[in-house]
Amino acid sequence: MLKYVLKRVLMVIPVLIGVSIIVFSLMRVFSPDPAPIVLGQHATQESMLAWRQANGLEKPVIEQYVDFVAGALHGDLGTSYYTKAPVAREIGARFPATIELAVAAIIFATIVGILLGVIAAVKKNSIFDAAGTLLALVGVSIPIFWLGILLIMFFTGTLHLLPSGGRINPMLEPANVTGFYMIDSLIASNWPAFKDAAIHIILPALTLGMYSMAIITRMTRSTMLDTLGQDYIRTARAKGITETKVITKHALRNSMIPVTTVIGLQFGSLLGGALLTESVFSWPGIGKFTVDSILKSDFPIVQGIVLLVAVIFVLVNLIADLIYAYLDPRIKYGSKKEG
C-alpha cells in the first residue's frame, strides 16, 4: 500500500508543474498589459515602465516563471497589483467561503445521488427508476444560473423561507477563527449564527450541487445494475441472505468503487466552478474574485488561485484513489505487480 501511495504522490508533481506553466503562460499571452489598467489611462510611459520594473514584468518570461515557482515553493504567491496585499492573504480571506459552499454541495450531491441511484437500480423500470432518471437528466441539463434564479423566486419570493443571497446576517457574523462561519459558530456556541449560516447556504449548495448530484445518480445506477447482475449476488441471494444485506453489504460496496472517483472529481470541479453560483447568490468566495482579477490582469492573484485549486483538486483525487484501493484491494496489489 505504501508503494501505491508513493506512486500516486509522485504523479501529482508533473500535473502541478503543467498547471503552473499553463496558467503562467496564458496570463502573459492573452491578458492585456496590467500597467495602464493599474495606473490609469493618463499614466505616462515612464511611470508604466517604472511600475513594470518594480513588479518584475520587464524580466524575461522564463525568469519570471522561475521566480514564481520559487516563491510558491516557499509559500509566497506574490503581491496583488491593486491591494498591495500578499496573494495568500487575499485568497485566504475568501477561500473558506468557497470551500464551505463546495463541501455543503458535495454532501448534498453524494447523499441524494447515491440514494436515488440505488433506488433506481433496485427498482429498475419502475416509477422510481423513471423519476430518478428524469431528475438526473434535469440536473445535468439545467443551467446553474437559471436554477439559482428559479430557487430564489420560489423559496424567497413566493414562500419567503430562505434568504436570496449573502453568507450570513452581518449582525450575527461570528468571530473569525477558521474562516468557516458554521465551524466558527460552533466553536463560540453561537447557535443563532450557526442557524443563520446554515439557512444561507441551503440555496447556493442546492444550486451548485445539482449537476454533481445528477452525475453521481447516473453513475450509481449504472454500476449498481451491473453489480446486481453478477454471479456472486445471485449466490448471496441463493444462500438466503436478506435483500437489504445483499444490496448494502455486497452490491453497494463494490458499486462505490467508480462512484468514489466521480465524487472526488466532482468535488474538485465544485471548488473551481462556483463562479455562477457565487455571482447569483452574492456569495463572497473566490469565483467572482477570480473573474475580477482576470479583467484587471492581476497576474499574481489569478496564478495563486488557479495553483491553489489545482493542488486541492489533485489532493482530492489522490484521496479518492486511496479510497478506491481500500474498497478494491486488487488495485494496490496490481500496482505492486506492475512495480
C-alpha atoms as a PDB file:
ATOM      1  CA  MET A   1       0.000   0.000   0.000  1.00  0.00           C
ATOM      2  CA  LEU A   2       2.906   2.369   0.786  1.00  0.00           C
ATOM      3  CA  LYS A   3       4.345   1.878  -2.682  1.00  0.00           C
ATOM      4  CA  TYR A   4       0.928   2.559  -4.210  1.00  0.00           C
ATOM      5  CA  VAL A   5       0.605   5.794  -2.218  1.00  0.00           C
ATOM      6  CA  LEU A   6       4.113   6.957  -3.183  1.00  0.00           C
ATOM      7  CA  LYS A   7       3.408   6.262  -6.837  1.00  0.00           C
ATOM      8  CA  ARG A   8       0.236   8.351  -6.732  1.00  0.00           C
ATOM      9  CA  VAL A   9       2.001  11.196  -4.891  1.00  0.00           C
ATOM     10  CA  LEU A  10       4.809  11.290  -7.470  1.00  0.00           C
ATOM     11  CA  MET A  11       2.221  11.507 -10.249  1.00  0.00           C
ATOM     12  CA  VAL A  12       0.945  14.739  -8.693  1.00  0.00           C
ATOM     13  CA  ILE A  13       4.225  16.600  -9.305  1.00  0.00           C
ATOM     14  CA  PRO A  14       4.133  16.755 -13.149  1.00  0.00           C
ATOM     15  CA  VAL A  15       0.441  17.715 -13.011  1.00  0.00           C
ATOM     16  CA  LEU A  16       1.167  20.733 -10.814  1.00  0.00           C
ATOM     17  CA  ILE A  17       4.139  21.730 -12.956  1.00  0.00           C
ATOM     18  CA  GLY A  18       1.967  21.565 -16.070  1.00  0.00           C
ATOM     19  CA  VAL A  19      -0.783  23.639 -14.445  1.00  0.00           C
ATOM     20  CA  SER A  20       1.680  26.296 -13.308  1.00  0.00           C
ATOM     21  CA  ILE A  21       3.184  26.575 -16.804  1.00  0.00           C
ATOM     22  CA  ILE A  22      -0.208  26.806 -18.498  1.00  0.00           C
ATOM     23  CA  VAL A  23      -1.706  29.451 -16.214  1.00  0.00           C
ATOM     24  CA  PHE A  24       1.519  31.480 -16.202  1.00  0.00           C
ATOM     25  CA  SER A  25       1.715  31.405 -19.987  1.00  0.00           C
ATOM     26  CA  LEU A  26      -1.946  32.204 -20.583  1.00  0.00           C
ATOM     27  CA  MET A  27      -1.875  35.229 -18.299  1.00  0.00           C
ATOM     28  CA  ARG A  28       1.053  36.702 -20.192  1.00  0.00           C
ATOM     29  CA  VAL A  29      -0.004  35.789 -23.719  1.00  0.00           C
ATOM     30  CA  PHE A  30      -3.727  36.581 -23.688  1.00  0.00           C
ATOM     31  CA  SER A  31      -4.077  39.173 -20.905  1.00  0.00           C
ATOM     32  CA  PRO A  32      -3.575  42.866 -21.603  1.00  0.00           C
ATOM     33  CA  ASP A  33      -0.698  44.820 -20.120  1.00  0.00           C
ATOM     34  CA  PRO A  34      -1.636  45.446 -16.467  1.00  0.00           C
ATOM     35  CA  ALA A  35       0.382  48.688 -16.192  1.00  0.00           C
ATOM     36  CA  PRO A  36      -2.155  51.075 -17.853  1.00  0.00           C
ATOM     37  CA  ILE A  37      -5.023  49.261 -16.068  1.00  0.00           C
ATOM     38  CA  VAL A  38      -3.448  49.668 -12.645  1.00  0.00           C
ATOM     39  CA  LEU A  39      -2.034  53.188 -13.151  1.00  0.00           C
ATOM     40  CA  GLY A  40      -4.914  54.562 -15.178  1.00  0.00           C
ATOM     41  CA  GLN A  41      -5.301  55.789 -18.746  1.00  0.00           C
ATOM     42  CA  HIS A  42      -3.421  59.022 -18.080  1.00  0.00           C
ATOM     43  CA  ALA A  43      -0.242  57.280 -16.901  1.00  0.00           C
ATOM     44  CA  THR A  44       2.944  58.221 -18.706  1.00  0.00           C
ATOM     45  CA  GLN A  45       5.217  55.763 -20.468  1.00  0.00           C
ATOM     46  CA  GLU A  46       7.915  56.440 -17.866  1.00  0.00           C
ATOM     47  CA  SER A  47       5.612  55.645 -14.949  1.00  0.00           C
ATOM     48  CA  MET A  48       4.375  52.460 -16.605  1.00  0.00           C
ATOM     49  CA  LEU A  49       7.930  51.335 -17.321  1.00  0.00           C
ATOM     50  CA  ALA A  50       8.900  52.014 -13.708  1.00  0.00           C
ATOM     51  CA  TRP A  51       5.851  50.084 -12.492  1.00  0.00           C
ATOM     52  CA  ARG A  52       6.682  47.081 -14.697  1.00  0.00           C
ATOM     53  CA  GLN A  53      10.257  47.060 -13.465  1.00  0.00           C
ATOM     54  CA  ALA A  54       9.104  47.274  -9.844  1.00  0.00           C
ATOM     55  CA  ASN A  55       6.830  44.270 -10.361  1.00  0.00           C
ATOM     56  CA  GLY A  56       9.344  42.203 -12.315  1.00  0.00           C
ATOM     57  CA  LEU A  57       7.442  42.308 -15.604  1.00  0.00           C
ATOM     58  CA  GLU A  58      10.455  43.571 -17.542  1.00  0.00           C
ATOM     59  CA  LYS A  59      12.376  40.389 -16.824  1.00  0.00           C
ATOM     60  CA  PRO A  60      12.492  37.559 -19.383  1.00  0.00           C
ATOM     61  CA  VAL A  61       9.385  35.350 -19.161  1.00  0.00           C
ATOM     62  CA  ILE A  62      11.391  32.290 -18.134  1.00  0.00           C
ATOM     63  CA  GLU A  63      12.994  34.224 -15.288  1.00  0.00           C
ATOM     64  CA  GLN A  64       9.561  35.439 -14.189  1.00  0.00           C
ATOM     65  CA  TYR A  65       8.300  31.854 -14.151  1.00  0.00           C
ATOM     66  CA  VAL A  66      11.271  30.640 -12.122  1.00  0.00           C
ATOM     67  CA  ASP A  67      10.684  33.440  -9.600  1.00  0.00           C
ATOM     68  CA  PHE A  68       7.001  32.493  -9.409  1.00  0.00           C
ATOM     69  CA  VAL A  69       7.724  28.802  -8.782  1.00  0.00           C
ATOM     70  CA  ALA A  70      10.485  29.558  -6.272  1.00  0.00           C
ATOM     71  CA  GLY A  71       8.154  31.855  -4.360  1.00  0.00           C
ATOM     72  CA  ALA A  72       5.285  29.338  -4.455  1.00  0.00           C
ATOM     73  CA  LEU A  73       7.528  26.611  -3.021  1.00  0.00           C
ATOM     74  CA  HIS A  74       8.219  28.916  -0.077  1.00  0.00           C
ATOM     75  CA  GLY A  75       4.556  29.848   0.348  1.00  0.00           C
ATOM     76  CA  ASP A  76       4.955  33.255  -1.306  1.00  0.00           C
ATOM     77  CA  LEU A  77       2.470  33.667  -4.168  1.00  0.00           C
ATOM     78  CA  GLY A  78       3.330  37.293  -4.769  1.00  0.00           C
ATOM     79  CA  THR A  79       1.542  40.573  -4.097  1.00  0.00           C
ATOM     80  CA  SER A  80      -1.679  41.866  -5.616  1.00  0.00           C
ATOM     81  CA  TYR A  81      -1.170  44.716  -8.083  1.00  0.00           C
ATOM     82  CA  TYR A  82      -4.176  46.570  -6.640  1.00  0.00           C
ATOM     83  CA  THR A  83      -4.455  45.953  -2.902  1.00  0.00           C
ATOM     84  CA  LYS A  84      -0.670  45.584  -2.428  1.00  0.00           C
ATOM     85  CA  ALA A  85      -1.514  42.764  -0.002  1.00  0.00           C
ATOM     86  CA  PRO A  86       0.053  39.285  -0.201  1.00  0.00           C
ATOM     87  CA  VAL A  87      -1.841  36.990  -2.552  1.00  0.00           C
ATOM     88  CA  ALA A  88      -2.040  34.296   0.118  1.00  0.00           C
ATOM     89  CA  ARG A  89      -3.841  36.714   2.430  1.00  0.00           C
ATOM     90  CA  GLU A  90      -6.266  37.849  -0.275  1.00  0.00           C
ATOM     91  CA  ILE A  91      -7.116  34.259  -1.184  1.00  0.00           C
ATOM     92  CA  GLY A  92      -7.259  33.159   2.440  1.00  0.00           C
ATOM     93  CA  ALA A  93      -9.883  35.789   3.190  1.00  0.00           C
ATOM     94  CA  ARG A  94     -12.226  34.407   0.516  1.00  0.00           C
ATOM     95  CA  PHE A  95     -11.373  30.754   0.018  1.00  0.00           C
ATOM     96  CA  PRO A  96     -13.074  29.434   3.192  1.00  0.00           C
ATOM     97  CA  ALA A  97     -16.406  30.665   1.811  1.00  0.00           C
ATOM     98  CA  THR A  98     -15.891  28.681  -1.400  1.00  0.00           C
ATOM     99  CA  ILE A  99     -14.752  25.564   0.477  1.00  0.00           C
ATOM    100  CA  GLU A 100     -17.733  25.750   2.822  1.00  0.00           C
ATOM    101  CA  LEU A 101     -20.099  26.041  -0.133  1.00  0.00           C
ATOM    102  CA  ALA A 102     -18.391  23.238  -2.076  1.00  0.00           C
ATOM    103  CA  VAL A 103     -18.435  20.877   0.931  1.00  0.00           C
ATOM    104  CA  ALA A 104     -22.147  21.524   1.519  1.00  0.00           C
ATOM    105  CA  ALA A 105     -22.841  20.982  -2.185  1.00  0.00           C
ATOM    106  CA  ILE A 106     -20.903  17.704  -2.429  1.00  0.00           C
ATOM    107  CA  ILE A 107     -22.548  16.359   0.754  1.00  0.00           C
ATOM    108  CA  PHE A 108     -25.958  17.054  -0.771  1.00  0.00           C
ATOM    109  CA  ALA A 109     -24.914  15.634  -4.141  1.00  0.00           C
ATOM    110  CA  THR A 110     -23.382  12.479  -2.651  1.00  0.00           C
ATOM    111  CA  ILE A 111     -26.187  11.572  -0.263  1.00  0.00           C
ATOM    112  CA  VAL A 112     -29.026  12.292  -2.669  1.00  0.00           C
ATOM    113  CA  GLY A 113     -27.171  10.965  -5.725  1.00  0.00           C
ATOM    114  CA  ILE A 114     -26.257   7.607  -4.181  1.00  0.00           C
ATOM    115  CA  LEU A 115     -29.719   7.196  -2.653  1.00  0.00           C
ATOM    116  CA  LEU A 116     -31.508   7.937  -5.929  1.00  0.00           C
ATOM    117  CA  GLY A 117     -29.080   5.762  -7.896  1.00  0.00           C
ATOM    118  CA  VAL A 118     -29.522   2.760  -5.609  1.00  0.00           C
ATOM    119  CA  ILE A 119     -33.313   3.083  -5.598  1.00  0.00           C
ATOM    120  CA  ALA A 120     -33.400   3.452  -9.379  1.00  0.00           C
ATOM    121  CA  ALA A 121     -31.254   0.334  -9.842  1.00  0.00           C
ATOM    122  CA  VAL A 122     -33.107  -1.821  -7.312  1.00  0.00           C
ATOM    123  CA  LYS A 123     -36.486  -0.688  -8.678  1.00  0.00           C
ATOM    124  CA  LYS A 124     -35.429  -0.928 -12.314  1.00  0.00           C
ATOM    125  CA  ASN A 125     -38.091   0.086 -14.878  1.00  0.00           C
ATOM    126  CA  SER A 126     -40.420   1.264 -12.117  1.00  0.00           C
ATOM    127  CA  ILE A 127     -41.802   4.721 -11.458  1.00  0.00           C
ATOM    128  CA  PHE A 128     -38.927   5.265  -9.000  1.00  0.00           C
ATOM    129  CA  ASP A 129     -36.404   4.486 -11.721  1.00  0.00           C
ATOM    130  CA  ALA A 130     -38.137   6.847 -14.129  1.00  0.00           C
ATOM    131  CA  ALA A 131     -38.326   9.625 -11.534  1.00  0.00           C
ATOM    132  CA  GLY A 132     -34.644   9.265 -10.606  1.00  0.00           C
ATOM    133  CA  THR A 133     -33.576   9.203 -14.254  1.00  0.00           C
ATOM    134  CA  LEU A 134     -35.690  12.285 -15.024  1.00  0.00           C
ATOM    135  CA  LEU A 135     -34.266  14.185 -12.055  1.00  0.00           C
ATOM    136  CA  ALA A 136     -30.727  13.279 -13.133  1.00  0.00           C
ATOM    137  CA  LEU A 137     -31.469  14.452 -16.675  1.00  0.00           C
ATOM    138  CA  VAL A 138     -32.823  17.757 -15.383  1.00  0.00           C
ATOM    139  CA  GLY A 139     -29.803  18.196 -13.122  1.00  0.00           C
ATOM    140  CA  VAL A 140     -27.387  17.690 -15.998  1.00  0.00           C
ATOM    141  CA  SER A 141     -29.309  19.881 -18.431  1.00  0.00           C
ATOM    142  CA  ILE A 142     -30.453  22.901 -16.439  1.00  0.00           C
ATOM    143  CA  PRO A 143     -28.061  25.899 -16.408  1.00  0.00           C
ATOM    144  CA  ILE A 144     -26.759  26.707 -12.932  1.00  0.00           C
ATOM    145  CA  PHE A 145     -27.556  30.423 -13.066  1.00  0.00           C
ATOM    146  CA  TRP A 146     -31.134  29.755 -14.178  1.00  0.00           C
ATOM    147  CA  LEU A 147     -31.656  27.122 -11.479  1.00  0.00           C
ATOM    148  CA  GLY A 148     -30.378  29.559  -8.887  1.00  0.00           C
ATOM    149  CA  ILE A 149     -32.770  32.259 -10.043  1.00  0.00           C
ATOM    150  CA  LEU A 150     -35.706  29.817 -10.007  1.00  0.00           C
ATOM    151  CA  LEU A 151     -34.871  28.697  -6.466  1.00  0.00           C
ATOM    152  CA  ILE A 152     -34.660  32.316  -5.312  1.00  0.00           C
ATOM    153  CA  MET A 153     -38.004  33.156  -6.937  1.00  0.00           C
ATOM    154  CA  PHE A 154     -39.706  30.151  -5.318  1.00  0.00           C
ATOM    155  CA  PHE A 155     -38.155  29.855  -1.851  1.00  0.00           C
ATOM    156  CA  THR A 156     -37.531  33.568  -1.312  1.00  0.00           C
ATOM    157  CA  GLY A 157     -40.028  35.416  -3.469  1.00  0.00           C
ATOM    158  CA  THR A 158     -43.003  33.061  -3.102  1.00  0.00           C
ATOM    159  CA  LEU A 159     -42.540  31.087   0.140  1.00  0.00           C
ATOM    160  CA  HIS A 160     -40.367  33.635   1.984  1.00  0.00           C
ATOM    161  CA  LEU A 161     -38.478  30.780   3.627  1.00  0.00           C
ATOM    162  CA  LEU A 162     -34.854  31.271   2.660  1.00  0.00           C
ATOM    163  CA  PRO A 163     -32.599  34.300   2.035  1.00  0.00           C
ATOM    164  CA  SER A 164     -31.799  35.201  -1.553  1.00  0.00           C
ATOM    165  CA  GLY A 165     -28.087  35.792  -1.082  1.00  0.00           C
ATOM    166  CA  GLY A 166     -25.173  36.514   1.165  1.00  0.00           C
ATOM    167  CA  ARG A 167     -23.353  34.232   3.541  1.00  0.00           C
ATOM    168  CA  ILE A 168     -24.784  35.350   6.892  1.00  0.00           C
ATOM    169  CA  ASN A 169     -26.604  38.230   8.518  1.00  0.00           C
ATOM    170  CA  PRO A 170     -23.838  40.810   9.189  1.00  0.00           C
ATOM    171  CA  MET A 171     -25.235  41.326  12.693  1.00  0.00           C
ATOM    172  CA  LEU A 172     -24.660  37.643  13.501  1.00  0.00           C
ATOM    173  CA  GLU A 173     -21.218  37.182  11.938  1.00  0.00           C
ATOM    174  CA  PRO A 174     -19.109  35.081  14.356  1.00  0.00           C
ATOM    175  CA  ALA A 175     -15.557  35.792  15.437  1.00  0.00           C
ATOM    176  CA  ASN A 176     -13.128  34.757  12.703  1.00  0.00           C
ATOM    177  CA  VAL A 177     -11.265  31.662  13.903  1.00  0.00           C
ATOM    178  CA  THR A 178     -11.204  29.303  10.921  1.00  0.00           C
ATOM    179  CA  GLY A 179     -12.977  31.409   8.311  1.00  0.00           C
ATOM    180  CA  PHE A 180     -15.775  28.837   8.104  1.00  0.00           C
ATOM    181  CA  TYR A 181     -18.830  30.515   9.587  1.00  0.00           C
ATOM    182  CA  MET A 182     -20.588  27.320  10.632  1.00  0.00           C
ATOM    183  CA  ILE A 183     -17.487  25.966  12.388  1.00  0.00           C
ATOM    184  CA  ASP A 184     -16.714  29.327  13.990  1.00  0.00           C
ATOM    185  CA  SER A 185     -20.290  29.498  15.241  1.00  0.00           C
ATOM    186  CA  LEU A 186     -19.971  26.055  16.816  1.00  0.00           C
ATOM    187  CA  ILE A 187     -16.657  26.958  18.443  1.00  0.00           C
ATOM    188  CA  ALA A 188     -18.248  30.037  20.006  1.00  0.00           C
ATOM    189  CA  SER A 189     -21.504  28.163  20.787  1.00  0.00           C
ATOM    190  CA  ASN A 190     -23.237  30.911  18.851  1.00  0.00           C
ATOM    191  CA  TRP A 191     -26.329  28.983  17.831  1.00  0.00           C
ATOM    192  CA  PRO A 192     -28.216  31.894  16.189  1.00  0.00           C
ATOM    193  CA  ALA A 193     -25.198  32.490  13.925  1.00  0.00           C
ATOM    194  CA  PHE A 194     -24.940  28.762  13.137  1.00  0.00           C
ATOM    195  CA  LYS A 195     -28.611  28.598  12.223  1.00  0.00           C
ATOM    196  CA  ASP A 196     -28.395  31.712  10.078  1.00  0.00           C
ATOM    197  CA  ALA A 197     -25.271  30.470   8.258  1.00  0.00           C
ATOM    198  CA  ALA A 198     -26.935  27.094   7.644  1.00  0.00           C
ATOM    199  CA  ILE A 199     -30.042  28.767   6.236  1.00  0.00           C
ATOM    200  CA  HIS A 200     -27.985  30.993   3.932  1.00  0.00           C
ATOM    201  CA  ILE A 201     -26.034  28.080   2.471  1.00  0.00           C
ATOM    202  CA  ILE A 202     -29.060  25.936   1.524  1.00  0.00           C
ATOM    203  CA  LEU A 203     -29.976  27.519  -1.811  1.00  0.00           C
ATOM    204  CA  PRO A 204     -26.387  28.006  -3.064  1.00  0.00           C
ATOM    205  CA  ALA A 205     -25.499  24.420  -2.102  1.00  0.00           C
ATOM    206  CA  LEU A 206     -28.565  23.011  -3.857  1.00  0.00           C
ATOM    207  CA  THR A 207     -27.777  25.044  -6.963  1.00  0.00           C
ATOM    208  CA  LEU A 208     -24.082  24.186  -7.068  1.00  0.00           C
ATOM    209  CA  GLY A 209     -24.594  20.525  -6.182  1.00  0.00           C
ATOM    210  CA  MET A 210     -27.410  19.751  -8.617  1.00  0.00           C
ATOM    211  CA  TYR A 211     -25.166  18.875 -11.563  1.00  0.00           C
ATOM    212  CA  SER A 212     -22.881  16.707  -9.409  1.00  0.00           C
ATOM    213  CA  MET A 213     -25.910  15.009  -7.895  1.00  0.00           C
ATOM    214  CA  ALA A 214     -27.153  14.096 -11.359  1.00  0.00           C
ATOM    215  CA  ILE A 215     -23.752  12.674 -12.381  1.00  0.00           C
ATOM    216  CA  ILE A 216     -23.482  10.629  -9.160  1.00  0.00           C
ATOM    217  CA  THR A 217     -27.044   9.348  -9.573  1.00  0.00           C
ATOM    218  CA  ARG A 218     -26.407   8.119 -13.103  1.00  0.00           C
ATOM    219  CA  MET A 219     -23.069   6.546 -12.201  1.00  0.00           C
ATOM    220  CA  THR A 220     -24.508   4.824  -9.108  1.00  0.00           C
ATOM    221  CA  ARG A 221     -27.464   3.448 -11.049  1.00  0.00           C
ATOM    222  CA  SER A 222     -25.248   2.154 -13.845  1.00  0.00           C
ATOM    223  CA  THR A 223     -22.719   0.459 -11.578  1.00  0.00           C
ATOM    224  CA  MET A 224     -25.429  -0.945  -9.300  1.00  0.00           C
ATOM    225  CA  LEU A 225     -27.242  -2.513 -12.248  1.00  0.00           C
ATOM    226  CA  ASP A 226     -24.003  -4.102 -13.411  1.00  0.00           C
ATOM    227  CA  THR A 227     -23.169  -5.361  -9.923  1.00  0.00           C
ATOM    228  CA  LEU A 228     -26.641  -6.753  -9.244  1.00  0.00           C
ATOM    229  CA  GLY A 229     -26.263  -8.953 -12.322  1.00  0.00           C
ATOM    230  CA  GLN A 230     -23.038 -10.583 -11.095  1.00  0.00           C
ATOM    231  CA  ASP A 231     -22.845 -14.254 -10.100  1.00  0.00           C
ATOM    232  CA  TYR A 232     -21.819 -13.578  -6.503  1.00  0.00           C
ATOM    233  CA  ILE A 233     -25.002 -11.539  -5.973  1.00  0.00           C
ATOM    234  CA  ARG A 234     -27.118 -14.452  -7.179  1.00  0.00           C
ATOM    235  CA  THR A 235     -25.104 -16.751  -4.911  1.00  0.00           C
ATOM    236  CA  ALA A 236     -25.695 -14.486  -1.925  1.00  0.00           C
ATOM    237  CA  ARG A 237     -29.417 -14.498  -2.592  1.00  0.00           C
ATOM    238  CA  ALA A 238     -29.412 -18.275  -3.006  1.00  0.00           C
ATOM    239  CA  LYS A 239     -27.834 -18.583   0.444  1.00  0.00           C
ATOM    240  CA  GLY A 240     -30.856 -16.851   1.918  1.00  0.00           C
ATOM    241  CA  ILE A 241     -29.172 -13.545   2.753  1.00  0.00           C
ATOM    242  CA  THR A 242     -31.739 -10.793   3.125  1.00  0.00           C
ATOM    243  CA  GLU A 243     -32.187  -8.458   0.174  1.00  0.00           C
ATOM    244  CA  THR A 244     -31.235  -5.440   2.281  1.00  0.00           C
ATOM    245  CA  LYS A 245     -27.942  -7.056   3.250  1.00  0.00           C
ATOM    246  CA  VAL A 246     -27.271  -8.141  -0.334  1.00  0.00           C
ATOM    247  CA  ILE A 247     -27.732  -4.576  -1.550  1.00  0.00           C
ATOM    248  CA  THR A 248     -25.878  -2.742   1.222  1.00  0.00           C
ATOM    249  CA  LYS A 249     -23.051  -5.162   2.028  1.00  0.00           C
ATOM    250  CA  HIS A 250     -22.350  -6.835  -1.300  1.00  0.00           C
ATOM    251  CA  ALA A 251     -23.694  -4.744  -4.175  1.00  0.00           C
ATOM    252  CA  LEU A 252     -23.291  -1.188  -2.883  1.00  0.00           C
ATOM    253  CA  ARG A 253     -19.714  -1.568  -1.645  1.00  0.00           C
ATOM    254  CA  ASN A 254     -18.476  -2.857  -4.988  1.00  0.00           C
ATOM    255  CA  SER A 255     -20.531  -0.280  -6.870  1.00  0.00           C
ATOM    256  CA  MET A 256     -18.934   2.514  -4.864  1.00  0.00           C
ATOM    257  CA  ILE A 257     -15.511   1.974  -6.451  1.00  0.00           C
ATOM    258  CA  PRO A 258     -16.111   4.018  -9.638  1.00  0.00           C
ATOM    259  CA  VAL A 259     -18.575   6.285  -7.828  1.00  0.00           C
ATOM    260  CA  THR A 260     -15.858   7.317  -5.372  1.00  0.00           C
ATOM    261  CA  THR A 261     -13.685   8.550  -8.222  1.00  0.00           C
ATOM    262  CA  VAL A 262     -16.594  10.524  -9.665  1.00  0.00           C
ATOM    263  CA  ILE A 263     -17.276  12.132  -6.278  1.00  0.00           C
ATOM    264  CA  GLY A 264     -13.645  13.189  -5.996  1.00  0.00           C
ATOM    265  CA  LEU A 265     -13.650  14.693  -9.477  1.00  0.00           C
ATOM    266  CA  GLN A 266     -16.914  16.489  -8.821  1.00  0.00           C
ATOM    267  CA  PHE A 267     -15.671  17.986  -5.573  1.00  0.00           C
ATOM    268  CA  GLY A 268     -12.598  19.322  -7.317  1.00  0.00           C
ATOM    269  CA  SER A 269     -14.734  20.846 -10.045  1.00  0.00           C
ATOM    270  CA  LEU A 270     -17.045  22.437  -7.467  1.00  0.00           C
ATOM    271  CA  LEU A 271     -14.112  24.279  -5.898  1.00  0.00           C
ATOM    272  CA  GLY A 272     -13.097  25.792  -9.203  1.00  0.00           C
ATOM    273  CA  GLY A 273     -16.510  26.112 -10.813  1.00  0.00           C
ATOM    274  CA  ALA A 274     -18.560  28.043  -8.280  1.00  0.00           C
ATOM    275  CA  LEU A 275     -18.396  31.292 -10.243  1.00  0.00           C
ATOM    276  CA  LEU A 276     -22.006  31.394 -11.435  1.00  0.00           C
ATOM    277  CA  THR A 277     -23.408  30.234  -8.117  1.00  0.00           C
ATOM    278  CA  GLU A 278     -21.378  32.784  -6.171  1.00  0.00           C
ATOM    279  CA  SER A 279     -22.473  35.524  -8.559  1.00  0.00           C
ATOM    280  CA  VAL A 280     -26.180  34.672  -8.376  1.00  0.00           C
ATOM    281  CA  PHE A 281     -26.220  34.393  -4.578  1.00  0.00           C
ATOM    282  CA  SER A 282     -23.656  37.139  -3.840  1.00  0.00           C
ATOM    283  CA  TRP A 283     -21.502  34.538  -2.115  1.00  0.00           C
ATOM    284  CA  PRO A 284     -18.157  36.110  -1.099  1.00  0.00           C
ATOM    285  CA  GLY A 285     -15.889  33.323  -2.407  1.00  0.00           C
ATOM    286  CA  ILE A 286     -13.044  33.168  -4.903  1.00  0.00           C
ATOM    287  CA  GLY A 287     -15.178  32.644  -8.029  1.00  0.00           C
ATOM    288  CA  LYS A 288     -16.177  36.260  -8.619  1.00  0.00           C
ATOM    289  CA  PHE A 289     -12.842  37.396  -7.222  1.00  0.00           C
ATOM    290  CA  THR A 290     -11.052  35.358  -9.896  1.00  0.00           C
ATOM    291  CA  VAL A 291     -13.030  36.908 -12.743  1.00  0.00           C
ATOM    292  CA  ASP A 292     -12.452  40.428 -11.419  1.00  0.00           C
ATOM    293  CA  SER A 293      -8.729  39.692 -11.157  1.00  0.00           C
ATOM    294  CA  ILE A 294      -8.613  38.372 -14.727  1.00  0.00           C
ATOM    295  CA  LEU A 295     -10.337  41.501 -16.048  1.00  0.00           C
ATOM    296  CA  LYS A 296      -7.836  43.642 -14.152  1.00  0.00           C
ATOM    297  CA  SER A 297      -4.880  41.493 -15.308  1.00  0.00           C
ATOM    298  CA  ASP A 298      -3.919  40.964 -11.671  1.00  0.00           C
ATOM    299  CA  PHE A 299      -1.496  38.155 -12.558  1.00  0.00           C
ATOM    300  CA  PRO A 300      -0.415  37.164  -9.033  1.00  0.00           C
ATOM    301  CA  ILE A 301      -4.000  36.717  -7.802  1.00  0.00           C
ATOM    302  CA  VAL A 302      -5.080  34.589 -10.773  1.00  0.00           C
ATOM    303  CA  GLN A 303      -1.925  32.470 -10.679  1.00  0.00           C
ATOM    304  CA  GLY A 304      -2.292  31.905  -6.944  1.00  0.00           C
ATOM    305  CA  ILE A 305      -5.957  30.926  -7.140  1.00  0.00           C
ATOM    306  CA  VAL A 306      -5.501  28.537 -10.067  1.00  0.00           C
ATOM    307  CA  LEU A 307      -2.476  26.908  -8.452  1.00  0.00           C
ATOM    308  CA  LEU A 308      -4.307  26.503  -5.141  1.00  0.00           C
ATOM    309  CA  VAL A 309      -7.366  24.985  -6.810  1.00  0.00           C
ATOM    310  CA  ALA A 310      -5.105  22.631  -8.783  1.00  0.00           C
ATOM    311  CA  VAL A 311      -3.362  21.481  -5.599  1.00  0.00           C
ATOM    312  CA  ILE A 312      -6.658  20.820  -3.858  1.00  0.00           C
ATOM    313  CA  PHE A 313      -8.037  19.085  -6.953  1.00  0.00           C
ATOM    314  CA  VAL A 314      -5.130  16.648  -7.191  1.00  0.00           C
ATOM    315  CA  LEU A 315      -5.174  16.036  -3.431  1.00  0.00           C
ATOM    316  CA  VAL A 316      -8.875  15.223  -3.532  1.00  0.00           C
ATOM    317  CA  ASN A 317      -8.273  12.812  -6.392  1.00  0.00           C
ATOM    318  CA  LEU A 318      -5.359  11.275  -4.505  1.00  0.00           C
ATOM    319  CA  ILE A 319      -7.658  10.637  -1.558  1.00  0.00           C
ATOM    320  CA  ALA A 320     -10.244   9.172  -3.944  1.00  0.00           C
ATOM    321  CA  ASP A 321      -7.596   6.838  -5.363  1.00  0.00           C
ATOM    322  CA  LEU A 322      -6.675   5.668  -1.869  1.00  0.00           C
ATOM    323  CA  ILE A 323     -10.318   5.023  -1.015  1.00  0.00           C
ATOM    324  CA  TYR A 324     -10.613   3.244  -4.354  1.00  0.00           C
ATOM    325  CA  ALA A 325      -7.698   0.989  -3.390  1.00  0.00           C
ATOM    326  CA  TYR A 326      -9.244   0.342   0.025  1.00  0.00           C
ATOM    327  CA  LEU A 327     -12.561  -0.702  -1.488  1.00  0.00           C
ATOM    328  CA  ASP A 328     -10.862  -2.904  -4.097  1.00  0.00           C
ATOM    329  CA  PRO A 329      -7.537  -4.348  -2.793  1.00  0.00           C
ATOM    330  CA  ARG A 330      -6.819  -5.782  -6.244  1.00  0.00           C
ATOM    331  CA  ILE A 331      -5.841  -2.254  -7.357  1.00  0.00           C
ATOM    332  CA  LYS A 332      -2.942  -1.814  -4.936  1.00  0.00           C
ATOM    333  CA  TYR A 333      -1.809  -5.418  -5.376  1.00  0.00           C
ATOM    334  CA  GLY A 334      -1.955  -4.979  -9.147  1.00  0.00           C
ATOM    335  CA  SER A 335       0.111  -1.824  -8.738  1.00  0.00           C
ATOM    336  CA  LYS A 336       2.669  -3.841  -6.769  1.00  0.00           C
ATOM    337  CA  LYS A 337       2.981  -6.358  -9.563  1.00  0.00           C
ATOM    338  CA  GLU A 338       3.486  -3.573 -12.060  1.00  0.00           C
ATOM    339  CA  GLY A 339       6.322  -2.188  -9.943  1.00  0.00           C
END
